[in-house]
Structures are given as structure tokens and as C-alpha cells.
PDB file of all heavy atoms in Angstrom:
ATOM      1  N   ALA A   1     -57.178  72.134   5.865  1.00  0.00           N
ATOM      2  CA  ALA A   1     -58.062  72.558   6.951  1.00  0.00           C
ATOM      3  C   ALA A   1     -57.730  73.965   7.444  1.00  0.00           C
ATOM      4  O   ALA A   1     -58.616  74.803   7.610  1.00  0.00           O
ATOM      5  CB  ALA A   1     -57.995  71.566   8.105  1.00  0.00           C
ATOM      6  N   GLY A   2     -56.468  74.214   7.714  1.00  0.00           N
ATOM      7  CA  GLY A   2     -56.062  75.517   8.217  1.00  0.00           C
ATOM      8  C   GLY A   2     -56.488  75.777   9.654  1.00  0.00           C
ATOM      9  O   GLY A   2     -56.298  76.879  10.182  1.00  0.00           O
ATOM     10  N   VAL A   3     -57.083  74.787  10.284  1.00  0.00           N
ATOM     11  CA  VAL A   3     -57.490  74.854  11.697  1.00  0.00           C
ATOM     12  C   VAL A   3     -57.095  73.526  12.337  1.00  0.00           C
ATOM     13  O   VAL A   3     -56.783  72.561  11.627  1.00  0.00           O
ATOM     14  CB  VAL A   3     -59.015  75.084  11.840  1.00  0.00           C
ATOM     15  CG1 VAL A   3     -59.408  76.455  11.321  1.00  0.00           C
ATOM     16  CG2 VAL A   3     -59.808  73.985  11.129  1.00  0.00           C
ATOM     17  N   PRO A   4     -57.093  73.437  13.670  1.00  0.00           N
ATOM     18  CA  PRO A   4     -56.737  72.165  14.316  1.00  0.00           C
ATOM     19  C   PRO A   4     -57.590  70.999  13.822  1.00  0.00           C
ATOM     20  O   PRO A   4     -58.792  71.148  13.587  1.00  0.00           O
ATOM     21  CB  PRO A   4     -56.989  72.452  15.802  1.00  0.00           C
ATOM     22  CG  PRO A   4     -56.770  73.923  15.926  1.00  0.00           C
ATOM     23  CD  PRO A   4     -57.315  74.517  14.661  1.00  0.00           C
ATOM     24  N   VAL A   5     -56.940  69.837  13.668  1.00  0.00           N
ATOM     25  CA  VAL A   5     -57.597  68.639  13.147  1.00  0.00           C
ATOM     26  C   VAL A   5     -57.860  67.646  14.273  1.00  0.00           C
ATOM     27  O   VAL A   5     -56.956  67.318  15.042  1.00  0.00           O
ATOM     28  CB  VAL A   5     -56.727  67.969  12.060  1.00  0.00           C
ATOM     29  CG1 VAL A   5     -57.344  66.647  11.610  1.00  0.00           C
ATOM     30  CG2 VAL A   5     -56.545  68.902  10.868  1.00  0.00           C
ATOM     31  N   ILE A   6     -59.097  67.191  14.364  1.00  0.00           N
ATOM     32  CA  ILE A   6     -59.449  66.098  15.264  1.00  0.00           C
ATOM     33  C   ILE A   6     -59.401  64.821  14.426  1.00  0.00           C
ATOM     34  O   ILE A   6     -60.137  64.697  13.444  1.00  0.00           O
ATOM     35  CB  ILE A   6     -60.861  66.282  15.858  1.00  0.00           C
ATOM     36  CG1 ILE A   6     -60.930  67.569  16.680  1.00  0.00           C
ATOM     37  CG2 ILE A   6     -61.248  65.074  16.715  1.00  0.00           C
ATOM     38  CD1 ILE A   6     -62.338  67.935  17.133  1.00  0.00           C
ATOM     39  N   ALA A   7     -58.531  63.903  14.785  1.00  0.00           N
ATOM     40  CA  ALA A   7     -58.392  62.660  14.023  1.00  0.00           C
ATOM     41  C   ALA A   7     -59.402  61.636  14.520  1.00  0.00           C
ATOM     42  O   ALA A   7     -59.373  61.231  15.684  1.00  0.00           O
ATOM     43  CB  ALA A   7     -56.977  62.112  14.157  1.00  0.00           C
ATOM     44  N   VAL A   8     -60.299  61.214  13.633  1.00  0.00           N
ATOM     45  CA  VAL A   8     -61.294  60.209  13.979  1.00  0.00           C
ATOM     46  C   VAL A   8     -60.697  58.830  13.700  1.00  0.00           C
ATOM     47  O   VAL A   8     -60.346  58.515  12.566  1.00  0.00           O
ATOM     48  CB  VAL A   8     -62.586  60.409  13.175  1.00  0.00           C
ATOM     49  CG1 VAL A   8     -63.627  59.377  13.576  1.00  0.00           C
ATOM     50  CG2 VAL A   8     -63.123  61.823  13.371  1.00  0.00           C
ATOM     51  N   VAL A   9     -60.561  58.026  14.737  1.00  0.00           N
ATOM     52  CA  VAL A   9     -59.926  56.708  14.592  1.00  0.00           C
ATOM     53  C   VAL A   9     -60.902  55.584  14.957  1.00  0.00           C
ATOM     54  O   VAL A   9     -60.495  54.503  15.375  1.00  0.00           O
ATOM     55  CB  VAL A   9     -58.632  56.618  15.443  1.00  0.00           C
ATOM     56  CG1 VAL A   9     -57.569  57.542  14.882  1.00  0.00           C
ATOM     57  CG2 VAL A   9     -58.903  56.947  16.916  1.00  0.00           C
ATOM     58  N   LYS A  10     -62.178  55.847  14.783  1.00  0.00           N
ATOM     59  CA  LYS A  10     -63.194  54.813  15.022  1.00  0.00           C
ATOM     60  C   LYS A  10     -63.052  53.705  13.981  1.00  0.00           C
ATOM     61  O   LYS A  10     -62.318  53.837  13.000  1.00  0.00           O
ATOM     62  CB  LYS A  10     -64.593  55.426  14.931  1.00  0.00           C
ATOM     63  CG  LYS A  10     -64.956  55.960  13.548  1.00  0.00           C
ATOM     64  CD  LYS A  10     -66.341  56.577  13.522  1.00  0.00           C
ATOM     65  CE  LYS A  10     -66.688  57.090  12.117  1.00  0.00           C
ATOM     66  NZ  LYS A  10     -68.038  57.675  12.059  1.00  0.00           N
ATOM     67  N   GLY A  11     -63.780  52.605  14.193  1.00  0.00           N
ATOM     68  CA  GLY A  11     -63.741  51.516  13.217  1.00  0.00           C
ATOM     69  C   GLY A  11     -62.344  50.952  13.027  1.00  0.00           C
ATOM     70  O   GLY A  11     -61.885  50.760  11.906  1.00  0.00           O
ATOM     71  N   ASN A  12     -61.658  50.690  14.180  1.00  0.00           N
ATOM     72  CA  ASN A  12     -60.287  50.164  14.132  1.00  0.00           C
ATOM     73  C   ASN A  12     -59.390  51.092  13.324  1.00  0.00           C
ATOM     74  O   ASN A  12     -58.622  50.665  12.466  1.00  0.00           O
ATOM     75  CB  ASN A  12     -60.256  48.753  13.535  1.00  0.00           C
ATOM     76  CG  ASN A  12     -58.909  48.071  13.722  1.00  0.00           C
ATOM     77  OD1 ASN A  12     -58.190  48.330  14.690  1.00  0.00           O
ATOM     78  ND2 ASN A  12     -58.532  47.202  12.781  1.00  0.00           N
ATOM     79  N   GLY A  13     -59.493  52.395  13.619  1.00  0.00           N
ATOM     80  CA  GLY A  13     -58.663  53.367  12.915  1.00  0.00           C
ATOM     81  C   GLY A  13     -58.994  53.408  11.434  1.00  0.00           C
ATOM     82  O   GLY A  13     -58.099  53.416  10.597  1.00  0.00           O
ATOM     83  N   TYR A  14     -60.317  53.451  11.126  1.00  0.00           N
ATOM     84  CA  TYR A  14     -60.785  53.392   9.734  1.00  0.00           C
ATOM     85  C   TYR A  14     -60.181  52.200   8.995  1.00  0.00           C
ATOM     86  O   TYR A  14     -59.931  52.246   7.795  1.00  0.00           O
ATOM     87  CB  TYR A  14     -60.499  54.709   9.000  1.00  0.00           C
ATOM     88  CG  TYR A  14     -61.661  55.665   9.090  1.00  0.00           C
ATOM     89  CD1 TYR A  14     -61.859  56.426  10.241  1.00  0.00           C
ATOM     90  CD2 TYR A  14     -62.582  55.782   8.070  1.00  0.00           C
ATOM     91  CE1 TYR A  14     -62.951  57.278  10.364  1.00  0.00           C
ATOM     92  CE2 TYR A  14     -63.678  56.632   8.178  1.00  0.00           C
ATOM     93  CZ  TYR A  14     -63.852  57.375   9.324  1.00  0.00           C
ATOM     94  OH  TYR A  14     -64.946  58.209   9.432  1.00  0.00           O
ATOM     95  N   GLY A  15     -59.958  51.133   9.762  1.00  0.00           N
ATOM     96  CA  GLY A  15     -59.433  49.909   9.168  1.00  0.00           C
ATOM     97  C   GLY A  15     -57.932  49.848   9.087  1.00  0.00           C
ATOM     98  O   GLY A  15     -57.364  48.842   8.645  1.00  0.00           O
ATOM     99  N   PHE A  16     -57.245  50.907   9.514  1.00  0.00           N
ATOM    100  CA  PHE A  16     -55.784  50.950   9.433  1.00  0.00           C
ATOM    101  C   PHE A  16     -55.102  50.412  10.685  1.00  0.00           C
ATOM    102  O   PHE A  16     -53.884  50.439  10.785  1.00  0.00           O
ATOM    103  CB  PHE A  16     -55.313  52.386   9.164  1.00  0.00           C
ATOM    104  CG  PHE A  16     -55.272  52.748   7.697  1.00  0.00           C
ATOM    105  CD1 PHE A  16     -56.074  52.101   6.773  1.00  0.00           C
ATOM    106  CD2 PHE A  16     -54.416  53.737   7.237  1.00  0.00           C
ATOM    107  CE1 PHE A  16     -56.039  52.425   5.429  1.00  0.00           C
ATOM    108  CE2 PHE A  16     -54.370  54.068   5.878  1.00  0.00           C
ATOM    109  CZ  PHE A  16     -55.186  53.410   4.981  1.00  0.00           C
ATOM    110  N   GLY A  17     -55.882  49.939  11.653  1.00  0.00           N
ATOM    111  CA  GLY A  17     -55.326  49.455  12.923  1.00  0.00           C
ATOM    112  C   GLY A  17     -55.263  50.626  13.893  1.00  0.00           C
ATOM    113  O   GLY A  17     -54.427  51.512  13.729  1.00  0.00           O
ATOM    114  N   ILE A  18     -56.117  50.628  14.902  1.00  0.00           N
ATOM    115  CA  ILE A  18     -56.275  51.815  15.736  1.00  0.00           C
ATOM    116  C   ILE A  18     -54.991  52.241  16.446  1.00  0.00           C
ATOM    117  O   ILE A  18     -54.667  53.434  16.521  1.00  0.00           O
ATOM    118  CB  ILE A  18     -57.428  51.615  16.757  1.00  0.00           C
ATOM    119  CG1 ILE A  18     -57.737  52.924  17.487  1.00  0.00           C
ATOM    120  CG2 ILE A  18     -57.104  50.482  17.729  1.00  0.00           C
ATOM    121  CD1 ILE A  18     -59.023  52.876  18.296  1.00  0.00           C
ATOM    122  N   LYS A  19     -54.205  51.285  16.937  1.00  0.00           N
ATOM    123  CA  LYS A  19     -52.987  51.652  17.661  1.00  0.00           C
ATOM    124  C   LYS A  19     -51.927  52.212  16.724  1.00  0.00           C
ATOM    125  O   LYS A  19     -51.340  53.275  16.983  1.00  0.00           O
ATOM    126  CB  LYS A  19     -52.443  50.440  18.427  1.00  0.00           C
ATOM    127  CG  LYS A  19     -53.269  50.049  19.642  1.00  0.00           C
ATOM    128  CD  LYS A  19     -52.575  48.955  20.436  1.00  0.00           C
ATOM    129  CE  LYS A  19     -53.341  48.624  21.703  1.00  0.00           C
ATOM    130  NZ  LYS A  19     -52.666  47.566  22.501  1.00  0.00           N
ATOM    131  N   GLU A  20     -51.652  51.492  15.626  1.00  0.00           N
ATOM    132  CA  GLU A  20     -50.621  51.936  14.692  1.00  0.00           C
ATOM    133  C   GLU A  20     -50.993  53.268  14.055  1.00  0.00           C
ATOM    134  O   GLU A  20     -50.169  54.175  13.936  1.00  0.00           O
ATOM    135  CB  GLU A  20     -50.408  50.885  13.600  1.00  0.00           C
ATOM    136  CG  GLU A  20     -50.060  49.490  14.109  1.00  0.00           C
ATOM    137  CD  GLU A  20     -51.284  48.604  14.274  1.00  0.00           C
ATOM    138  OE1 GLU A  20     -52.359  49.113  14.642  1.00  0.00           O
ATOM    139  OE2 GLU A  20     -51.162  47.383  14.034  1.00  0.00           O
ATOM    140  N   PHE A  21     -52.255  53.379  13.643  1.00  0.00           N
ATOM    141  CA  PHE A  21     -52.751  54.586  12.990  1.00  0.00           C
ATOM    142  C   PHE A  21     -52.653  55.789  13.926  1.00  0.00           C
ATOM    143  O   PHE A  21     -52.160  56.862  13.549  1.00  0.00           O
ATOM    144  CB  PHE A  21     -54.206  54.332  12.587  1.00  0.00           C
ATOM    145  CG  PHE A  21     -54.824  55.385  11.707  1.00  0.00           C
ATOM    146  CD1 PHE A  21     -54.109  55.979  10.676  1.00  0.00           C
ATOM    147  CD2 PHE A  21     -56.142  55.768  11.902  1.00  0.00           C
ATOM    148  CE1 PHE A  21     -54.703  56.936   9.859  1.00  0.00           C
ATOM    149  CE2 PHE A  21     -56.742  56.713  11.091  1.00  0.00           C
ATOM    150  CZ  PHE A  21     -56.023  57.305  10.070  1.00  0.00           C
ATOM    151  N   THR A  22     -53.097  55.601  15.176  1.00  0.00           N
ATOM    152  CA  THR A  22     -53.064  56.682  16.159  1.00  0.00           C
ATOM    153  C   THR A  22     -51.638  57.129  16.446  1.00  0.00           C
ATOM    154  O   THR A  22     -51.360  58.331  16.555  1.00  0.00           O
ATOM    155  CB  THR A  22     -53.755  56.234  17.465  1.00  0.00           C
ATOM    156  OG1 THR A  22     -55.131  55.946  17.187  1.00  0.00           O
ATOM    157  CG2 THR A  22     -53.670  57.303  18.530  1.00  0.00           C
ATOM    158  N   GLU A  23     -50.741  56.168  16.568  1.00  0.00           N
ATOM    159  CA  GLU A  23     -49.338  56.495  16.852  1.00  0.00           C
ATOM    160  C   GLU A  23     -48.751  57.381  15.755  1.00  0.00           C
ATOM    161  O   GLU A  23     -48.050  58.372  16.036  1.00  0.00           O
ATOM    162  CB  GLU A  23     -48.525  55.204  16.964  1.00  0.00           C
ATOM    163  CG  GLU A  23     -47.099  55.399  17.488  1.00  0.00           C
ATOM    164  CD  GLU A  23     -47.041  55.677  18.977  1.00  0.00           C
ATOM    165  OE1 GLU A  23     -47.581  54.889  19.767  1.00  0.00           O
ATOM    166  OE2 GLU A  23     -46.451  56.718  19.332  1.00  0.00           O
ATOM    167  N   ILE A  24     -49.029  57.058  14.503  1.00  0.00           N
ATOM    168  CA  ILE A  24     -48.502  57.844  13.384  1.00  0.00           C
ATOM    169  C   ILE A  24     -49.128  59.243  13.359  1.00  0.00           C
ATOM    170  O   ILE A  24     -48.439  60.244  13.140  1.00  0.00           O
ATOM    171  CB  ILE A  24     -48.743  57.108  12.055  1.00  0.00           C
ATOM    172  CG1 ILE A  24     -47.885  55.839  12.006  1.00  0.00           C
ATOM    173  CG2 ILE A  24     -48.431  58.003  10.853  1.00  0.00           C
ATOM    174  CD1 ILE A  24     -48.193  54.914  10.849  1.00  0.00           C
ATOM    175  N   LEU A  25     -50.436  59.313  13.594  1.00  0.00           N
ATOM    176  CA  LEU A  25     -51.098  60.617  13.639  1.00  0.00           C
ATOM    177  C   LEU A  25     -50.530  61.488  14.753  1.00  0.00           C
ATOM    178  O   LEU A  25     -50.269  62.686  14.571  1.00  0.00           O
ATOM    179  CB  LEU A  25     -52.604  60.417  13.838  1.00  0.00           C
ATOM    180  CG  LEU A  25     -53.367  59.841  12.646  1.00  0.00           C
ATOM    181  CD1 LEU A  25     -54.737  59.318  13.095  1.00  0.00           C
ATOM    182  CD2 LEU A  25     -53.537  60.887  11.552  1.00  0.00           C
ATOM    183  N   LYS A  26     -50.332  60.885  15.911  1.00  0.00           N
ATOM    184  CA  LYS A  26     -49.763  61.609  17.044  1.00  0.00           C
ATOM    185  C   LYS A  26     -48.367  62.130  16.711  1.00  0.00           C
ATOM    186  O   LYS A  26     -48.046  63.294  16.999  1.00  0.00           O
ATOM    187  CB  LYS A  26     -49.701  60.687  18.261  1.00  0.00           C
ATOM    188  CG  LYS A  26     -48.992  61.276  19.470  1.00  0.00           C
ATOM    189  CD  LYS A  26     -48.850  60.247  20.578  1.00  0.00           C
ATOM    190  CE  LYS A  26     -48.003  60.780  21.723  1.00  0.00           C
ATOM    191  NZ  LYS A  26     -47.805  59.746  22.785  1.00  0.00           N
ATOM    192  N   ASN A  27     -47.556  61.294  16.099  1.00  0.00           N
ATOM    193  CA  ASN A  27     -46.192  61.693  15.754  1.00  0.00           C
ATOM    194  C   ASN A  27     -46.150  62.753  14.659  1.00  0.00           C
ATOM    195  O   ASN A  27     -45.099  63.360  14.419  1.00  0.00           O
ATOM    196  CB  ASN A  27     -45.383  60.475  15.313  1.00  0.00           C
ATOM    197  CG  ASN A  27     -45.116  59.509  16.456  1.00  0.00           C
ATOM    198  OD1 ASN A  27     -45.194  59.891  17.623  1.00  0.00           O
ATOM    199  ND2 ASN A  27     -44.822  58.260  16.142  1.00  0.00           N
ATOM    200  N   ASN A  28     -47.287  62.955  13.996  1.00  0.00           N
ATOM    201  CA  ASN A  28     -47.359  63.974  12.960  1.00  0.00           C
ATOM    202  C   ASN A  28     -48.178  65.191  13.400  1.00  0.00           C
ATOM    203  O   ASN A  28     -48.709  65.933  12.568  1.00  0.00           O
ATOM    204  CB  ASN A  28     -47.938  63.381  11.678  1.00  0.00           C
ATOM    205  CG  ASN A  28     -46.908  62.605  10.875  1.00  0.00           C
ATOM    206  OD1 ASN A  28     -46.226  63.156  10.016  1.00  0.00           O
ATOM    207  ND2 ASN A  28     -46.769  61.317  11.172  1.00  0.00           N
ATOM    208  N   GLY A  29     -48.222  65.393  14.708  1.00  0.00           N
ATOM    209  CA  GLY A  29     -48.744  66.645  15.241  1.00  0.00           C
ATOM    210  C   GLY A  29     -50.211  66.704  15.585  1.00  0.00           C
ATOM    211  O   GLY A  29     -50.707  67.763  15.978  1.00  0.00           O
ATOM    212  N   ILE A  30     -50.950  65.600  15.484  1.00  0.00           N
ATOM    213  CA  ILE A  30     -52.363  65.613  15.852  1.00  0.00           C
ATOM    214  C   ILE A  30     -52.479  65.558  17.378  1.00  0.00           C
ATOM    215  O   ILE A  30     -51.845  64.720  18.024  1.00  0.00           O
ATOM    216  CB  ILE A  30     -53.124  64.433  15.215  1.00  0.00           C
ATOM    217  CG1 ILE A  30     -52.983  64.467  13.691  1.00  0.00           C
ATOM    218  CG2 ILE A  30     -54.593  64.463  15.632  1.00  0.00           C
ATOM    219  CD1 ILE A  30     -53.572  65.675  13.017  1.00  0.00           C
ATOM    220  N   LYS A  31     -53.319  66.439  17.920  1.00  0.00           N
ATOM    221  CA  LYS A  31     -53.435  66.556  19.380  1.00  0.00           C
ATOM    222  C   LYS A  31     -54.740  66.006  19.953  1.00  0.00           C
ATOM    223  O   LYS A  31     -54.825  65.718  21.146  1.00  0.00           O
ATOM    224  CB  LYS A  31     -53.315  68.032  19.777  1.00  0.00           C
ATOM    225  CG  LYS A  31     -52.038  68.717  19.332  1.00  0.00           C
ATOM    226  CD  LYS A  31     -50.823  68.156  20.028  1.00  0.00           C
ATOM    227  CE  LYS A  31     -49.562  68.940  19.653  1.00  0.00           C
ATOM    228  NZ  LYS A  31     -48.345  68.326  20.269  1.00  0.00           N
ATOM    229  N   THR A  32     -55.759  65.876  19.103  1.00  0.00           N
ATOM    230  CA  THR A  32     -57.064  65.418  19.588  1.00  0.00           C
ATOM    231  C   THR A  32     -57.554  64.262  18.725  1.00  0.00           C
ATOM    232  O   THR A  32     -57.435  64.307  17.496  1.00  0.00           O
ATOM    233  CB  THR A  32     -58.098  66.554  19.545  1.00  0.00           C
ATOM    234  OG1 THR A  32     -57.602  67.676  20.290  1.00  0.00           O
ATOM    235  CG2 THR A  32     -59.418  66.108  20.152  1.00  0.00           C
ATOM    236  N   PHE A  33     -58.099  63.248  19.374  1.00  0.00           N
ATOM    237  CA  PHE A  33     -58.565  62.043  18.688  1.00  0.00           C
ATOM    238  C   PHE A  33     -60.021  61.773  19.059  1.00  0.00           C
ATOM    239  O   PHE A  33     -60.492  62.209  20.115  1.00  0.00           O
ATOM    240  CB  PHE A  33     -57.685  60.854  19.046  1.00  0.00           C
ATOM    241  CG  PHE A  33     -56.257  61.029  18.594  1.00  0.00           C
ATOM    242  CD1 PHE A  33     -55.370  61.803  19.331  1.00  0.00           C
ATOM    243  CD2 PHE A  33     -55.813  60.447  17.417  1.00  0.00           C
ATOM    244  CE1 PHE A  33     -54.059  61.996  18.902  1.00  0.00           C
ATOM    245  CE2 PHE A  33     -54.502  60.638  16.983  1.00  0.00           C
ATOM    246  CZ  PHE A  33     -53.638  61.408  17.726  1.00  0.00           C
ATOM    247  N   ALA A  34     -60.714  61.056  18.190  1.00  0.00           N
ATOM    248  CA  ALA A  34     -62.135  60.792  18.437  1.00  0.00           C
ATOM    249  C   ALA A  34     -62.498  59.360  18.082  1.00  0.00           C
ATOM    250  O   ALA A  34     -61.999  58.810  17.091  1.00  0.00           O
ATOM    251  CB  ALA A  34     -63.001  61.762  17.633  1.00  0.00           C
ATOM    252  N   VAL A  35     -63.363  58.776  18.913  1.00  0.00           N
ATOM    253  CA  VAL A  35     -63.891  57.428  18.672  1.00  0.00           C
ATOM    254  C   VAL A  35     -65.388  57.442  18.980  1.00  0.00           C
ATOM    255  O   VAL A  35     -65.902  58.396  19.568  1.00  0.00           O
ATOM    256  CB  VAL A  35     -63.193  56.363  19.544  1.00  0.00           C
ATOM    257  CG1 VAL A  35     -61.748  56.173  19.119  1.00  0.00           C
ATOM    258  CG2 VAL A  35     -63.277  56.741  21.031  1.00  0.00           C
ATOM    259  N   THR A  36     -66.066  56.387  18.593  1.00  0.00           N
ATOM    260  CA  THR A  36     -67.488  56.262  18.928  1.00  0.00           C
ATOM    261  C   THR A  36     -67.735  55.188  19.983  1.00  0.00           C
ATOM    262  O   THR A  36     -68.739  55.244  20.692  1.00  0.00           O
ATOM    263  CB  THR A  36     -68.315  55.919  17.672  1.00  0.00           C
ATOM    264  OG1 THR A  36     -67.775  54.745  17.058  1.00  0.00           O
ATOM    265  CG2 THR A  36     -68.287  57.069  16.675  1.00  0.00           C
ATOM    266  N   GLU A  37     -66.833  54.216  20.086  1.00  0.00           N
ATOM    267  CA  GLU A  37     -67.022  53.097  21.009  1.00  0.00           C
ATOM    268  C   GLU A  37     -66.189  53.289  22.275  1.00  0.00           C
ATOM    269  O   GLU A  37     -64.977  53.537  22.192  1.00  0.00           O
ATOM    270  CB  GLU A  37     -66.634  51.779  20.337  1.00  0.00           C
ATOM    271  CG  GLU A  37     -67.435  51.461  19.083  1.00  0.00           C
ATOM    272  CD  GLU A  37     -68.919  51.335  19.347  1.00  0.00           C
ATOM    273  OE1 GLU A  37     -69.274  50.755  20.397  1.00  0.00           O
ATOM    274  OE2 GLU A  37     -69.716  51.817  18.526  1.00  0.00           O
ATOM    275  N   VAL A  38     -66.810  53.130  23.424  1.00  0.00           N
ATOM    276  CA  VAL A  38     -66.066  53.289  24.674  1.00  0.00           C
ATOM    277  C   VAL A  38     -65.013  52.194  24.828  1.00  0.00           C
ATOM    278  O   VAL A  38     -64.024  52.365  25.545  1.00  0.00           O
ATOM    279  CB  VAL A  38     -67.017  53.311  25.895  1.00  0.00           C
ATOM    280  CG1 VAL A  38     -67.912  54.525  25.861  1.00  0.00           C
ATOM    281  CG2 VAL A  38     -67.847  52.034  25.969  1.00  0.00           C
ATOM    282  N   ASP A  39     -65.206  51.051  24.166  1.00  0.00           N
ATOM    283  CA  ASP A  39     -64.223  49.964  24.246  1.00  0.00           C
ATOM    284  C   ASP A  39     -62.871  50.369  23.641  1.00  0.00           C
ATOM    285  O   ASP A  39     -61.850  49.741  23.939  1.00  0.00           O
ATOM    286  CB  ASP A  39     -64.741  48.721  23.506  1.00  0.00           C
ATOM    287  CG  ASP A  39     -65.904  48.064  24.227  1.00  0.00           C
ATOM    288  OD1 ASP A  39     -66.093  48.370  25.426  1.00  0.00           O
ATOM    289  OD2 ASP A  39     -66.621  47.271  23.607  1.00  0.00           O
ATOM    290  N   ASP A  40     -62.859  51.383  22.793  1.00  0.00           N
ATOM    291  CA  ASP A  40     -61.608  51.829  22.173  1.00  0.00           C
ATOM    292  C   ASP A  40     -60.769  52.700  23.102  1.00  0.00           C
ATOM    293  O   ASP A  40     -59.574  52.913  22.851  1.00  0.00           O
ATOM    294  CB  ASP A  40     -61.897  52.626  20.893  1.00  0.00           C
ATOM    295  CG  ASP A  40     -62.416  51.751  19.767  1.00  0.00           C
ATOM    296  OD1 ASP A  40     -62.105  50.548  19.764  1.00  0.00           O
ATOM    297  OD2 ASP A  40     -63.126  52.277  18.888  1.00  0.00           O
ATOM    298  N   ILE A  41     -61.370  53.214  24.150  1.00  0.00           N
ATOM    299  CA  ILE A  41     -60.690  54.184  25.009  1.00  0.00           C
ATOM    300  C   ILE A  41     -59.432  53.606  25.649  1.00  0.00           C
ATOM    301  O   ILE A  41     -58.378  54.245  25.669  1.00  0.00           O
ATOM    302  CB  ILE A  41     -61.651  54.710  26.090  1.00  0.00           C
ATOM    303  CG1 ILE A  41     -62.766  55.526  25.441  1.00  0.00           C
ATOM    304  CG2 ILE A  41     -60.899  55.559  27.111  1.00  0.00           C
ATOM    305  CD1 ILE A  41     -63.868  55.955  26.415  1.00  0.00           C
ATOM    306  N   SER A  42     -59.510  52.385  26.166  1.00  0.00           N
ATOM    307  CA  SER A  42     -58.358  51.799  26.859  1.00  0.00           C
ATOM    308  C   SER A  42     -57.173  51.631  25.916  1.00  0.00           C
ATOM    309  O   SER A  42     -56.020  51.852  26.306  1.00  0.00           O
ATOM    310  CB  SER A  42     -58.733  50.453  27.485  1.00  0.00           C
ATOM    311  OG  SER A  42     -59.169  49.532  26.496  1.00  0.00           O
ATOM    312  N   GLN A  43     -57.443  51.239  24.661  1.00  0.00           N
ATOM    313  CA  GLN A  43     -56.361  51.097  23.684  1.00  0.00           C
ATOM    314  C   GLN A  43     -55.707  52.435  23.392  1.00  0.00           C
ATOM    315  O   GLN A  43     -54.480  52.533  23.288  1.00  0.00           O
ATOM    316  CB  GLN A  43     -56.894  50.505  22.383  1.00  0.00           C
ATOM    317  CG  GLN A  43     -57.440  49.102  22.489  1.00  0.00           C
ATOM    318  CD  GLN A  43     -57.819  48.550  21.134  1.00  0.00           C
ATOM    319  OE1 GLN A  43     -56.961  48.199  20.324  1.00  0.00           O
ATOM    320  NE2 GLN A  43     -59.116  48.467  20.870  1.00  0.00           N
ATOM    321  N   LEU A  44     -56.525  53.472  23.270  1.00  0.00           N
ATOM    322  CA  LEU A  44     -55.975  54.791  22.979  1.00  0.00           C
ATOM    323  C   LEU A  44     -55.167  55.340  24.145  1.00  0.00           C
ATOM    324  O   LEU A  44     -54.118  55.972  23.937  1.00  0.00           O
ATOM    325  CB  LEU A  44     -57.105  55.763  22.631  1.00  0.00           C
ATOM    326  CG  LEU A  44     -57.783  55.578  21.277  1.00  0.00           C
ATOM    327  CD1 LEU A  44     -58.823  56.661  21.058  1.00  0.00           C
ATOM    328  CD2 LEU A  44     -56.763  55.592  20.145  1.00  0.00           C
TER     329      LEU A  44
END
């Protein structure tokens, strides 16, 4: 990419489990996350 990455974690983290997937992305330097469902916000 060479530019900041927005990690899309919709669909239960693309099926990888939204919490576990997000935690790993965060620990690897991702600063912005995206979802489509408002129900996912509380978990994030």
C-alpha cells in the first residue's frame, strides 16, 4: 500500500473472529478499523 491502511473487520472479521482479528491487526500497527454493522461497534 505505501499509505495508511484501514483494516476492514466486517463479517466477523472476514470470518477470522472480529475480536481476535482486530487485536492482532492493532498489535501490528493498524490505527483505523472499519465495519458495516453498528452492532459490531461495542465489541470493537
